């Protein structure tokens, strides 16, 4: 997967009010960094934000799920990254608020 695909570029543009948003390769997807701090990732055109105990409930209220991948031993859930709900993606103001919380979560990991 190219780290500079159309969806990644779109998300980078939406999140640009937060600061210097940089895209980079991240395993099979794209990492997004704000001022050098990775706070989210895109895997298969799905956006995942870093979560903490302070913002996890918001994701659970939307029935959002953690990033996961399949191994020979079974499915692995990465509970530090949850998928951003479609409703939030459609509202830039909300998206920026959630993204800022993800940046904060990444700073305190």
PDB file of N, CA and C in Angstrom:
ATOM      1  N   UNK A   1       0.839  -1.182   0.000  1.00  0.00           N
ATOM      2  CA  UNK A   1       0.000   0.000   0.000  1.00  0.00           C
ATOM      3  C   UNK A   1       0.879   1.239   0.000  1.00  0.00           C
ATOM      4  N   UNK A   2       0.589   2.141  -0.859  1.00  0.00           N
ATOM      5  CA  UNK A   2       1.326   3.392  -0.945  1.00  0.00           C
ATOM      6  C   UNK A   2       0.919   4.302   0.213  1.00  0.00           C
ATOM      7  N   UNK A   3       1.897   4.825   0.955  1.00  0.00           N
ATOM      8  CA  UNK A   3       1.580   5.674   2.110  1.00  0.00           C
ATOM      9  C   UNK A   3       0.986   7.016   1.694  1.00  0.00           C
ATOM     10  N   UNK A   4       1.015   7.319   0.412  1.00  0.00           N
ATOM     11  CA  UNK A   4       0.478   8.597  -0.059  1.00  0.00           C
ATOM     12  C   UNK A   4      -0.760   8.374  -0.935  1.00  0.00           C
ATOM     13  N   UNK A   5      -1.675   7.501  -0.512  1.00  0.00           N
ATOM     14  CA  UNK A   5      -2.865   7.277  -1.315  1.00  0.00           C
ATOM     15  C   UNK A   5      -3.884   8.401  -1.117  1.00  0.00           C
ATOM     16  N   UNK A   6      -4.932   8.357  -1.900  1.00  0.00           N
ATOM     17  CA  UNK A   6      -5.929   9.430  -1.904  1.00  0.00           C
ATOM     18  C   UNK A   6      -6.588   9.621  -0.535  1.00  0.00           C
ATOM     19  N   UNK A   7      -6.976   8.536   0.132  1.00  0.00           N
ATOM     20  CA  UNK A   7      -7.617   8.646   1.436  1.00  0.00           C
ATOM     21  C   UNK A   7      -6.662   9.258   2.457  1.00  0.00           C
ATOM     22  N   UNK A   8      -5.417   8.811   2.458  1.00  0.00           N
ATOM     23  CA  UNK A   8      -4.423   9.362   3.384  1.00  0.00           C
ATOM     24  C   UNK A   8      -4.227  10.854   3.165  1.00  0.00           C
ATOM     25  N   UNK A   9      -4.149  11.256   1.915  1.00  0.00           N
ATOM     26  CA  UNK A   9      -3.990  12.675   1.597  1.00  0.00           C
ATOM     27  C   UNK A   9      -5.197  13.486   2.064  1.00  0.00           C
ATOM     28  N   UNK A  10      -6.387  12.917   1.893  1.00  0.00           N
ATOM     29  CA  UNK A  10      -7.625  13.571   2.326  1.00  0.00           C
ATOM     30  C   UNK A  10      -7.626  13.771   3.844  1.00  0.00           C
ATOM     31  N   UNK A  11      -7.267  12.724   4.581  1.00  0.00           N
ATOM     32  CA  UNK A  11      -7.218  12.821   6.046  1.00  0.00           C
ATOM     33  C   UNK A  11      -6.144  13.819   6.476  1.00  0.00           C
ATOM     34  N   UNK A  12      -5.000  13.789   5.817  1.00  0.00           N
ATOM     35  CA  UNK A  12      -3.936  14.745   6.126  1.00  0.00           C
ATOM     36  C   UNK A  12      -4.445  16.177   5.975  1.00  0.00           C
ATOM     37  N   UNK A  13      -5.175  16.438   4.917  1.00  0.00           N
ATOM     38  CA  UNK A  13      -5.727  17.775   4.691  1.00  0.00           C
ATOM     39  C   UNK A  13      -6.751  18.146   5.759  1.00  0.00           C
ATOM     40  N   UNK A  14      -7.640  17.208   6.107  1.00  0.00           N
ATOM     41  CA  UNK A  14      -8.651  17.485   7.137  1.00  0.00           C
ATOM     42  C   UNK A  14      -8.024  17.812   8.483  1.00  0.00           C
ATOM     43  N   UNK A  15      -6.926  17.135   8.795  1.00  0.00           N
ATOM     44  CA  UNK A  15      -6.290  17.304  10.105  1.00  0.00           C
ATOM     45  C   UNK A  15      -5.235  18.405  10.142  1.00  0.00           C
ATOM     46  N   UNK A  16      -4.980  19.048   9.034  1.00  0.00           N
ATOM     47  CA  UNK A  16      -3.920  20.056   8.960  1.00  0.00           C
ATOM     48  C   UNK A  16      -4.071  21.213   9.950  1.00  0.00           C
ATOM     49  N   UNK A  17      -5.296  21.584  10.385  1.00  0.00           N
ATOM     50  CA  UNK A  17      -5.371  22.650  11.393  1.00  0.00           C
ATOM     51  C   UNK A  17      -4.699  22.302  12.727  1.00  0.00           C
ATOM     52  N   UNK A  18      -4.431  21.015  12.963  1.00  0.00           N
ATOM     53  CA  UNK A  18      -3.774  20.614  14.215  1.00  0.00           C
ATOM     54  C   UNK A  18      -2.305  20.999  14.270  1.00  0.00           C
ATOM     55  N   UNK A  19      -1.674  21.098  13.102  1.00  0.00           N
ATOM     56  CA  UNK A  19      -0.238  21.369  13.047  1.00  0.00           C
ATOM     57  C   UNK A  19       0.358  20.721  11.819  1.00  0.00           C
ATOM     58  N   UNK A  20       1.636  20.424  11.902  1.00  0.00           N
ATOM     59  CA  UNK A  20       2.346  19.794  10.790  1.00  0.00           C
ATOM     60  C   UNK A  20       2.026  18.306  10.776  1.00  0.00           C
ATOM     61  N   UNK A  21       1.111  17.892   9.891  1.00  0.00           N
ATOM     62  CA  UNK A  21       0.695  16.492   9.784  1.00  0.00           C
ATOM     63  C   UNK A  21       1.537  15.808   8.714  1.00  0.00           C
ATOM     64  N   UNK A  22       2.286  14.817   9.134  1.00  0.00           N
ATOM     65  CA  UNK A  22       3.175  14.094   8.230  1.00  0.00           C
ATOM     66  C   UNK A  22       2.687  12.662   8.061  1.00  0.00           C
ATOM     67  N   UNK A  23       2.795  12.164   6.823  1.00  0.00           N
ATOM     68  CA  UNK A  23       2.444  10.785   6.516  1.00  0.00           C
ATOM     69  C   UNK A  23       3.712   9.950   6.415  1.00  0.00           C
ATOM     70  N   UNK A  24       3.616   8.721   6.853  1.00  0.00           N
ATOM     71  CA  UNK A  24       4.747   7.809   6.725  1.00  0.00           C
ATOM     72  C   UNK A  24       4.264   6.377   6.639  1.00  0.00           C
ATOM     73  N   UNK A  25       5.126   5.497   6.225  1.00  0.00           N
ATOM     74  CA  UNK A  25       4.776   4.085   6.141  1.00  0.00           C
ATOM     75  C   UNK A  25       4.678   3.498   7.544  1.00  0.00           C
ATOM     76  N   UNK A  26       3.739   2.593   7.707  1.00  0.00           N
ATOM     77  CA  UNK A  26       3.528   1.957   9.009  1.00  0.00           C
ATOM     78  C   UNK A  26       3.032   0.540   8.758  1.00  0.00           C
ATOM     79  N   UNK A  27       3.922  -0.429   8.824  1.00  0.00           N
ATOM     80  CA  UNK A  27       3.613  -1.812   8.492  1.00  0.00           C
ATOM     81  C   UNK A  27       2.908  -1.830   7.140  1.00  0.00           C
ATOM     82  N   UNK A  28       1.662  -2.279   7.049  1.00  0.00           N
ATOM     83  CA  UNK A  28       0.952  -2.340   5.773  1.00  0.00           C
ATOM     84  C   UNK A  28       0.098  -1.124   5.513  1.00  0.00           C
ATOM     85  N   UNK A  29       0.274  -0.056   6.253  1.00  0.00           N
ATOM     86  CA  UNK A  29      -0.573   1.116   6.103  1.00  0.00           C
ATOM     87  C   UNK A  29       0.194   2.415   6.195  1.00  0.00           C
ATOM     88  N   UNK A  30      -0.456   3.404   6.772  1.00  0.00           N
ATOM     89  CA  UNK A  30       0.100   4.752   6.854  1.00  0.00           C
ATOM     90  C   UNK A  30       0.048   5.250   8.293  1.00  0.00           C
ATOM     91  N   UNK A  31       1.128   5.816   8.756  1.00  0.00           N
ATOM     92  CA  UNK A  31       1.169   6.490  10.054  1.00  0.00           C
ATOM     93  C   UNK A  31       0.971   7.975   9.824  1.00  0.00           C
ATOM     94  N   UNK A  32       0.254   8.627  10.723  1.00  0.00           N
ATOM     95  CA  UNK A  32       0.128  10.080  10.694  1.00  0.00           C
ATOM     96  C   UNK A  32       0.717  10.628  11.972  1.00  0.00           C
ATOM     97  N   UNK A  33       1.563  11.646  11.806  1.00  0.00           N
ATOM     98  CA  UNK A  33       2.216  12.289  12.943  1.00  0.00           C
ATOM     99  C   UNK A  33       1.859  13.761  12.952  1.00  0.00           C
ATOM    100  N   UNK A  34       1.633  14.262  14.141  1.00  0.00           N
ATOM    101  CA  UNK A  34       1.391  15.694  14.319  1.00  0.00           C
ATOM    102  C   UNK A  34       2.594  16.245  15.066  1.00  0.00           C
ATOM    103  N   UNK A  35       3.327  17.124  14.405  1.00  0.00           N
ATOM    104  CA  UNK A  35       4.539  17.687  15.003  1.00  0.00           C
ATOM    105  C   UNK A  35       5.455  16.586  15.532  1.00  0.00           C
ATOM    106  N   UNK A  36       5.560  15.494  14.767  1.00  0.00           N
ATOM    107  CA  UNK A  36       6.468  14.411  15.092  1.00  0.00           C
ATOM    108  C   UNK A  36       5.902  13.311  15.974  1.00  0.00           C
ATOM    109  N   UNK A  37       4.682  13.458  16.471  1.00  0.00           N
ATOM    110  CA  UNK A  37       4.091  12.473  17.372  1.00  0.00           C
ATOM    111  C   UNK A  37       3.051  11.650  16.617  1.00  0.00           C
ATOM    112  N   UNK A  38       3.257  10.316  16.553  1.00  0.00           N
ATOM    113  CA  UNK A  38       2.267   9.474  15.879  1.00  0.00           C
ATOM    114  C   UNK A  38       1.027   9.376  16.754  1.00  0.00           C
ATOM    115  N   UNK A  39      -0.116   9.740  16.168  1.00  0.00           N
ATOM    116  CA  UNK A  39      -1.369   9.720  16.913  1.00  0.00           C
ATOM    117  C   UNK A  39      -2.455   8.929  16.209  1.00  0.00           C
ATOM    118  N   UNK A  40      -2.195   8.524  14.972  1.00  0.00           N
ATOM    119  CA  UNK A  40      -3.189   7.714  14.274  1.00  0.00           C
ATOM    120  C   UNK A  40      -2.539   6.932  13.154  1.00  0.00           C
ATOM    121  N   UNK A  41      -3.336   6.029  12.615  1.00  0.00           N
ATOM    122  CA  UNK A  41      -2.874   5.232  11.486  1.00  0.00           C
ATOM    123  C   UNK A  41      -4.045   4.945  10.566  1.00  0.00           C
ATOM    124  N   UNK A  42      -3.706   4.662   9.329  1.00  0.00           N
ATOM    125  CA  UNK A  42      -4.701   4.281   8.336  1.00  0.00           C
ATOM    126  C   UNK A  42      -4.309   2.901   7.832  1.00  0.00           C
ATOM    127  N   UNK A  43      -5.246   1.990   7.949  1.00  0.00           N
ATOM    128  CA  UNK A  43      -5.055   0.629   7.452  1.00  0.00           C
ATOM    129  C   UNK A  43      -6.249   0.284   6.575  1.00  0.00           C
ATOM    130  N   UNK A  44      -5.985  -0.088   5.348  1.00  0.00           N
ATOM    131  CA  UNK A  44      -7.042  -0.459   4.393  1.00  0.00           C
ATOM    132  C   UNK A  44      -8.139   0.608   4.340  1.00  0.00           C
ATOM    133  N   UNK A  45      -7.719   1.863   4.224  1.00  0.00           N
ATOM    134  CA  UNK A  45      -8.614   3.016   4.138  1.00  0.00           C
ATOM    135  C   UNK A  45      -9.562   3.141   5.330  1.00  0.00           C
ATOM    136  N   UNK A  46      -9.091   2.734   6.480  1.00  0.00           N
ATOM    137  CA  UNK A  46      -9.813   2.943   7.741  1.00  0.00           C
ATOM    138  C   UNK A  46      -8.904   3.728   8.667  1.00  0.00           C
ATOM    139  N   UNK A  47      -9.481   4.738   9.303  1.00  0.00           N
ATOM    140  CA  UNK A  47      -8.724   5.624  10.179  1.00  0.00           C
ATOM    141  C   UNK A  47      -8.852   5.159  11.624  1.00  0.00           C
ATOM    142  N   UNK A  48      -7.709   5.032  12.294  1.00  0.00           N
ATOM    143  CA  UNK A  48      -7.668   4.631  13.696  1.00  0.00           C
ATOM    144  C   UNK A  48      -6.923   5.695  14.486  1.00  0.00           C
ATOM    145  N   UNK A  49      -7.539   6.160  15.588  1.00  0.00           N
ATOM    146  CA  UNK A  49      -6.907   7.128  16.477  1.00  0.00           C
ATOM    147  C   UNK A  49      -6.403   6.418  17.727  1.00  0.00           C
ATOM    148  N   UNK A  50      -5.355   6.982  18.285  1.00  0.00           N
ATOM    149  CA  UNK A  50      -4.820   6.511  19.566  1.00  0.00           C
ATOM    150  C   UNK A  50      -5.839   6.849  20.654  1.00  0.00           C
ATOM    151  N   UNK A  51      -6.070   5.913  21.559  1.00  0.00           N
ATOM    152  CA  UNK A  51      -7.016   6.141  22.641  1.00  0.00           C
ATOM    153  C   UNK A  51      -6.309   6.019  23.983  1.00  0.00           C
ATOM    154  N   UNK A  52      -6.960   6.549  24.995  1.00  0.00           N
ATOM    155  CA  UNK A  52      -6.498   6.412  26.373  1.00  0.00           C
ATOM    156  C   UNK A  52      -7.739   6.206  27.239  1.00  0.00           C
ATOM    157  N   UNK A  53      -7.537   6.019  28.513  1.00  0.00           N
ATOM    158  CA  UNK A  53      -8.686   5.844  29.407  1.00  0.00           C
ATOM    159  C   UNK A  53      -9.578   7.087  29.402  1.00  0.00           C
ATOM    160  N   UNK A  54      -9.015   8.235  29.007  1.00  0.00           N
ATOM    161  CA  UNK A  54      -9.781   9.484  29.015  1.00  0.00           C
ATOM    162  C   UNK A  54     -10.750   9.627  27.845  1.00  0.00           C
ATOM    163  N   UNK A  55     -10.504   8.926  26.736  1.00  0.00           N
ATOM    164  CA  UNK A  55     -11.388   9.090  25.583  1.00  0.00           C
ATOM    165  C   UNK A  55     -11.952   7.777  25.033  1.00  0.00           C
ATOM    166  N   UNK A  56     -11.616   6.659  25.622  1.00  0.00           N
ATOM    167  CA  UNK A  56     -12.084   5.365  25.135  1.00  0.00           C
ATOM    168  C   UNK A  56     -13.609   5.271  25.123  1.00  0.00           C
ATOM    169  N   UNK A  57     -14.277   5.820  26.121  1.00  0.00           N
ATOM    170  CA  UNK A  57     -15.737   5.726  26.207  1.00  0.00           C
ATOM    171  C   UNK A  57     -16.424   6.322  24.980  1.00  0.00           C
ATOM    172  N   UNK A  58     -15.857   7.370  24.425  1.00  0.00           N
ATOM    173  CA  UNK A  58     -16.443   7.982  23.230  1.00  0.00           C
ATOM    174  C   UNK A  58     -16.480   6.985  22.076  1.00  0.00           C
ATOM    175  N   UNK A  59     -15.438   6.211  21.918  1.00  0.00           N
ATOM    176  CA  UNK A  59     -15.380   5.207  20.852  1.00  0.00           C
ATOM    177  C   UNK A  59     -16.370   4.075  21.128  1.00  0.00           C
ATOM    178  N   UNK A  60     -16.426   3.647  22.372  1.00  0.00           N
ATOM    179  CA  UNK A  60     -17.333   2.564  22.734  1.00  0.00           C
ATOM    180  C   UNK A  60     -18.789   2.984  22.568  1.00  0.00           C
ATOM    181  N   UNK A  61     -19.092   4.252  22.809  1.00  0.00           N
ATOM    182  CA  UNK A  61     -20.460   4.755  22.610  1.00  0.00           C
ATOM    183  C   UNK A  61     -20.895   4.647  21.150  1.00  0.00           C
ATOM    184  N   UNK A  62     -19.950   4.682  20.238  1.00  0.00           N
ATOM    185  CA  UNK A  62     -20.230   4.541  18.799  1.00  0.00           C
ATOM    186  C   UNK A  62     -20.080   3.088  18.336  1.00  0.00           C
ATOM    187  N   UNK A  63     -19.848   2.185  19.288  1.00  0.00           N
ATOM    188  CA  UNK A  63     -19.619   0.776  18.968  1.00  0.00           C
ATOM    189  C   UNK A  63     -18.414   0.592  18.054  1.00  0.00           C
ATOM    190  N   UNK A  64     -17.418   1.435  18.250  1.00  0.00           N
ATOM    191  CA  UNK A  64     -16.173   1.353  17.488  1.00  0.00           C
ATOM    192  C   UNK A  64     -15.339   0.186  17.999  1.00  0.00           C
ATOM    193  N   UNK A  65     -14.466  -0.327  17.145  1.00  0.00           N
ATOM    194  CA  UNK A  65     -13.652  -1.480  17.494  1.00  0.00           C
ATOM    195  C   UNK A  65     -12.170  -1.142  17.395  1.00  0.00           C
ATOM    196  N   UNK A  66     -11.345  -1.858  18.170  1.00  0.00           N
ATOM    197  CA  UNK A  66      -9.915  -1.618  18.080  1.00  0.00           C
ATOM    198  C   UNK A  66      -9.357  -2.165  16.763  1.00  0.00           C
ATOM    199  N   UNK A  67      -8.223  -1.637  16.371  1.00  0.00           N
ATOM    200  CA  UNK A  67      -7.525  -2.192  15.224  1.00  0.00           C
ATOM    201  C   UNK A  67      -7.184  -3.640  15.555  1.00  0.00           C
ATOM    202  N   UNK A  68      -7.325  -4.518  14.575  1.00  0.00           N
ATOM    203  CA  UNK A  68      -6.976  -5.918  14.794  1.00  0.00           C
ATOM    204  C   UNK A  68      -6.370  -6.497  13.527  1.00  0.00           C
ATOM    205  N   UNK A  69      -5.651  -7.570  13.719  1.00  0.00           N
ATOM    206  CA  UNK A  69      -5.084  -8.288  12.587  1.00  0.00           C
ATOM    207  C   UNK A  69      -5.035  -9.772  12.936  1.00  0.00           C
ATOM    208  N   UNK A  70      -4.977 -10.576  11.899  1.00  0.00           N
ATOM    209  CA  UNK A  70      -5.017 -12.020  12.053  1.00  0.00           C
ATOM    210  C   UNK A  70      -3.611 -12.607  11.967  1.00  0.00           C
ATOM    211  N   UNK A  71      -3.311 -13.504  12.887  1.00  0.00           N
ATOM    212  CA  UNK A  71      -2.055 -14.247  12.857  1.00  0.00           C
ATOM    213  C   UNK A  71      -2.383 -15.739  12.804  1.00  0.00           C
ATOM    214  N   UNK A  72      -1.374 -16.555  12.693  1.00  0.00           N
ATOM    215  CA  UNK A  72      -1.580 -18.010  12.697  1.00  0.00           C
ATOM    216  C   UNK A  72      -2.201 -18.477  14.011  1.00  0.00           C
ATOM    217  N   UNK A  73      -1.952 -17.739  15.072  1.00  0.00           N
ATOM    218  CA  UNK A  73      -2.477 -18.106  16.386  1.00  0.00           C
ATOM    219  C   UNK A  73      -3.840 -17.476  16.679  1.00  0.00           C
ATOM    220  N   UNK A  74      -4.341 -16.660  15.775  1.00  0.00           N
ATOM    221  CA  UNK A  74      -5.655 -16.031  15.980  1.00  0.00           C
ATOM    222  C   UNK A  74      -5.607 -14.524  15.815  1.00  0.00           C
ATOM    223  N   UNK A  75      -6.714 -13.879  16.130  1.00  0.00           N
ATOM    224  CA  UNK A  75      -6.852 -12.435  15.977  1.00  0.00           C
ATOM    225  C   UNK A  75      -6.196 -11.709  17.141  1.00  0.00           C
ATOM    226  N   UNK A  76      -5.473 -10.646  16.812  1.00  0.00           N
ATOM    227  CA  UNK A  76      -4.833  -9.790  17.807  1.00  0.00           C
ATOM    228  C   UNK A  76      -5.516  -8.431  17.763  1.00  0.00           C
ATOM    229  N   UNK A  77      -6.010  -7.973  18.920  1.00  0.00           N
ATOM    230  CA  UNK A  77      -6.617  -6.643  19.028  1.00  0.00           C
ATOM    231  C   UNK A  77      -5.605  -5.672  19.597  1.00  0.00           C
ATOM    232  N   UNK A  78      -5.419  -4.557  18.907  1.00  0.00           N
ATOM    233  CA  UNK A  78      -4.507  -3.505  19.353  1.00  0.00           C
ATOM    234  C   UNK A  78      -5.374  -2.440  20.010  1.00  0.00           C
ATOM    235  N   UNK A  79      -5.557  -2.564  21.312  1.00  0.00           N
ATOM    236  CA  UNK A  79      -6.534  -1.745  22.019  1.00  0.00           C
ATOM    237  C   UNK A  79      -6.099  -0.309  22.272  1.00  0.00           C
ATOM    238  N   UNK A  80      -4.936   0.061  21.769  1.00  0.00           N
ATOM    239  CA  UNK A  80      -4.508   1.456  21.901  1.00  0.00           C
ATOM    240  C   UNK A  80      -4.947   2.284  20.686  1.00  0.00           C
ATOM    241  N   UNK A  81      -5.478   1.630  19.647  1.00  0.00           N
ATOM    242  CA  UNK A  81      -5.974   2.323  18.452  1.00  0.00           C
ATOM    243  C   UNK A  81      -7.379   1.829  18.124  1.00  0.00           C
ATOM    244  N   UNK A  82      -8.329   2.755  18.057  1.00  0.00           N
ATOM    245  CA  UNK A  82      -9.714   2.425  17.716  1.00  0.00           C
ATOM    246  C   UNK A  82     -10.119   3.123  16.425  1.00  0.00           C
ATOM    247  N   UNK A  83     -10.999   2.453  15.677  1.00  0.00           N
ATOM    248  CA  UNK A  83     -11.470   3.022  14.413  1.00  0.00           C
ATOM    249  C   UNK A  83     -12.333   4.262  14.673  1.00  0.00           C
ATOM    250  N   UNK A  84     -12.097   5.285  13.895  1.00  0.00           N
ATOM    251  CA  UNK A  84     -12.872   6.520  13.999  1.00  0.00           C
ATOM    252  C   UNK A  84     -14.234   6.284  13.340  1.00  0.00           C
ATOM    253  N   UNK A  85     -15.327   6.528  14.071  1.00  0.00           N
ATOM    254  CA  UNK A  85     -16.667   6.308  13.514  1.00  0.00           C
ATOM    255  C   UNK A  85     -16.936   7.201  12.294  1.00  0.00           C
ATOM    256  N   UNK A  86     -17.725   6.692  11.363  1.00  0.00           N
ATOM    257  CA  UNK A  86     -18.055   7.424  10.133  1.00  0.00           C
ATOM    258  C   UNK A  86     -18.689   8.776  10.442  1.00  0.00           C
ATOM    259  N   UNK A  87     -19.555   8.834  11.465  1.00  0.00           N
ATOM    260  CA  UNK A  87     -20.191  10.106  11.825  1.00  0.00           C
ATOM    261  C   UNK A  87     -19.165  11.173  12.176  1.00  0.00           C
ATOM    262  N   UNK A  88     -18.085  10.771  12.816  1.00  0.00           N
ATOM    263  CA  UNK A  88     -17.034  11.710  13.206  1.00  0.00           C
ATOM    264  C   UNK A  88     -16.228  12.128  11.974  1.00  0.00           C
ATOM    265  N   UNK A  89     -15.971  11.178  11.079  1.00  0.00           N
ATOM    266  CA  UNK A  89     -15.242  11.496   9.840  1.00  0.00           C
ATOM    267  C   UNK A  89     -15.978  12.529   9.002  1.00  0.00           C
ATOM    268  N   UNK A  90     -17.301  12.528   9.087  1.00  0.00           N
ATOM    269  CA  UNK A  90     -18.119  13.431   8.277  1.00  0.00           C
ATOM    270  C   UNK A  90     -18.249  14.834   8.862  1.00  0.00           C
ATOM    271  N   UNK A  91     -17.705  15.051  10.059  1.00  0.00           N
ATOM    272  CA  UNK A  91     -17.822  16.351  10.737  1.00  0.00           C
ATOM    273  C   UNK A  91     -16.412  16.813  11.110  1.00  0.00           C
ATOM    274  N   UNK A  92     -15.852  17.728  10.313  1.00  0.00           N
ATOM    275  CA  UNK A  92     -14.446  18.107  10.520  1.00  0.00           C
ATOM    276  C   UNK A  92     -14.195  18.673  11.912  1.00  0.00           C
ATOM    277  N   UNK A  93     -15.130  19.431  12.439  1.00  0.00           N
ATOM    278  CA  UNK A  93     -14.937  20.006  13.779  1.00  0.00           C
ATOM    279  C   UNK A  93     -14.816  18.898  14.828  1.00  0.00           C
ATOM    280  N   UNK A  94     -15.700  17.909  14.758  1.00  0.00           N
ATOM    281  CA  UNK A  94     -15.618  16.766  15.674  1.00  0.00           C
ATOM    282  C   UNK A  94     -14.346  15.964  15.426  1.00  0.00           C
ATOM    283  N   UNK A  95     -14.018  15.758  14.162  1.00  0.00           N
ATOM    284  CA  UNK A  95     -12.822  15.005  13.812  1.00  0.00           C
ATOM    285  C   UNK A  95     -11.579  15.661  14.413  1.00  0.00           C
ATOM    286  N   UNK A  96     -11.489  16.967  14.315  1.00  0.00           N
ATOM    287  CA  UNK A  96     -10.338  17.677  14.882  1.00  0.00           C
ATOM    288  C   UNK A  96     -10.287  17.542  16.399  1.00  0.00           C
ATOM    289  N   UNK A  97     -11.442  17.574  17.039  1.00  0.00           N
ATOM    290  CA  UNK A  97     -11.495  17.410  18.488  1.00  0.00           C
ATOM    291  C   UNK A  97     -11.025  16.014  18.897  1.00  0.00           C
ATOM    292  N   UNK A  98     -11.517  15.014  18.193  1.00  0.00           N
ATOM    293  CA  UNK A  98     -11.104  13.640  18.484  1.00  0.00           C
ATOM    294  C   UNK A  98      -9.613  13.459  18.178  1.00  0.00           C
ATOM    295  N   UNK A  99      -9.147  14.073  17.107  1.00  0.00           N
ATOM    296  CA  UNK A  99      -7.733  13.973  16.733  1.00  0.00           C
ATOM    297  C   UNK A  99      -6.854  14.614  17.800  1.00  0.00           C
ATOM    298  N   UNK A 100      -7.280  15.745  18.339  1.00  0.00           N
ATOM    299  CA  UNK A 100      -6.506  16.396  19.391  1.00  0.00           C
ATOM    300  C   UNK A 100      -6.425  15.504  20.632  1.00  0.00           C
ATOM    301  N   UNK A 101      -7.517  14.823  20.944  1.00  0.00           N
ATOM    302  CA  UNK A 101      -7.509  13.880  22.063  1.00  0.00           C
ATOM    303  C   UNK A 101      -6.546  12.723  21.790  1.00  0.00           C
ATOM    304  N   UNK A 102      -6.474  12.303  20.515  1.00  0.00           N
ATOM    305  CA  UNK A 102      -5.543  11.231  20.135  1.00  0.00           C
ATOM    306  C   UNK A 102      -4.099  11.688  20.271  1.00  0.00           C
ATOM    307  N   UNK A 103      -3.828  12.923  19.908  1.00  0.00           N
ATOM    308  CA  UNK A 103      -2.481  13.482  20.075  1.00  0.00           C
ATOM    309  C   UNK A 103      -2.129  13.491  21.554  1.00  0.00           C
ATOM    310  N   UNK A 104      -3.054  13.957  22.385  1.00  0.00           N
ATOM    311  CA  UNK A 104      -2.830  13.983  23.837  1.00  0.00           C
ATOM    312  C   UNK A 104      -2.590  12.582  24.370  1.00  0.00           C
ATOM    313  N   UNK A 105      -3.376  11.606  23.898  1.00  0.00           N
ATOM    314  CA  UNK A 105      -3.196  10.217  24.324  1.00  0.00           C
ATOM    315  C   UNK A 105      -1.813   9.702  23.928  1.00  0.00           C
ATOM    316  N   UNK A 106      -1.334  10.100  22.765  1.00  0.00           N
ATOM    317  CA  UNK A 106      -0.018   9.659  22.302  1.00  0.00           C
ATOM    318  C   UNK A 106       1.116  10.289  23.097  1.00  0.00           C
ATOM    319  N   UNK A 107       0.899  11.498  23.574  1.00  0.00           N
ATOM    320  CA  UNK A 107       1.935  12.191  24.356  1.00  0.00           C
ATOM    321  C   UNK A 107       2.099  11.582  25.735  1.00  0.00           C
ATOM    322  N   UNK A 108       1.033  10.964  26.242  1.00  0.00           N
ATOM    323  CA  UNK A 108       1.070  10.438  27.608  1.00  0.00           C
ATOM    324  C   UNK A 108       1.207   8.926  27.665  1.00  0.00           C
ATOM    325  N   UNK A 109       1.607   8.301  26.553  1.00  0.00           N
ATOM    326  CA  UNK A 109       1.698   6.828  26.558  1.00  0.00           C
ATOM    327  C   UNK A 109       2.830   6.310  27.381  1.00  0.00           C
TER     328      UNK A 109
END
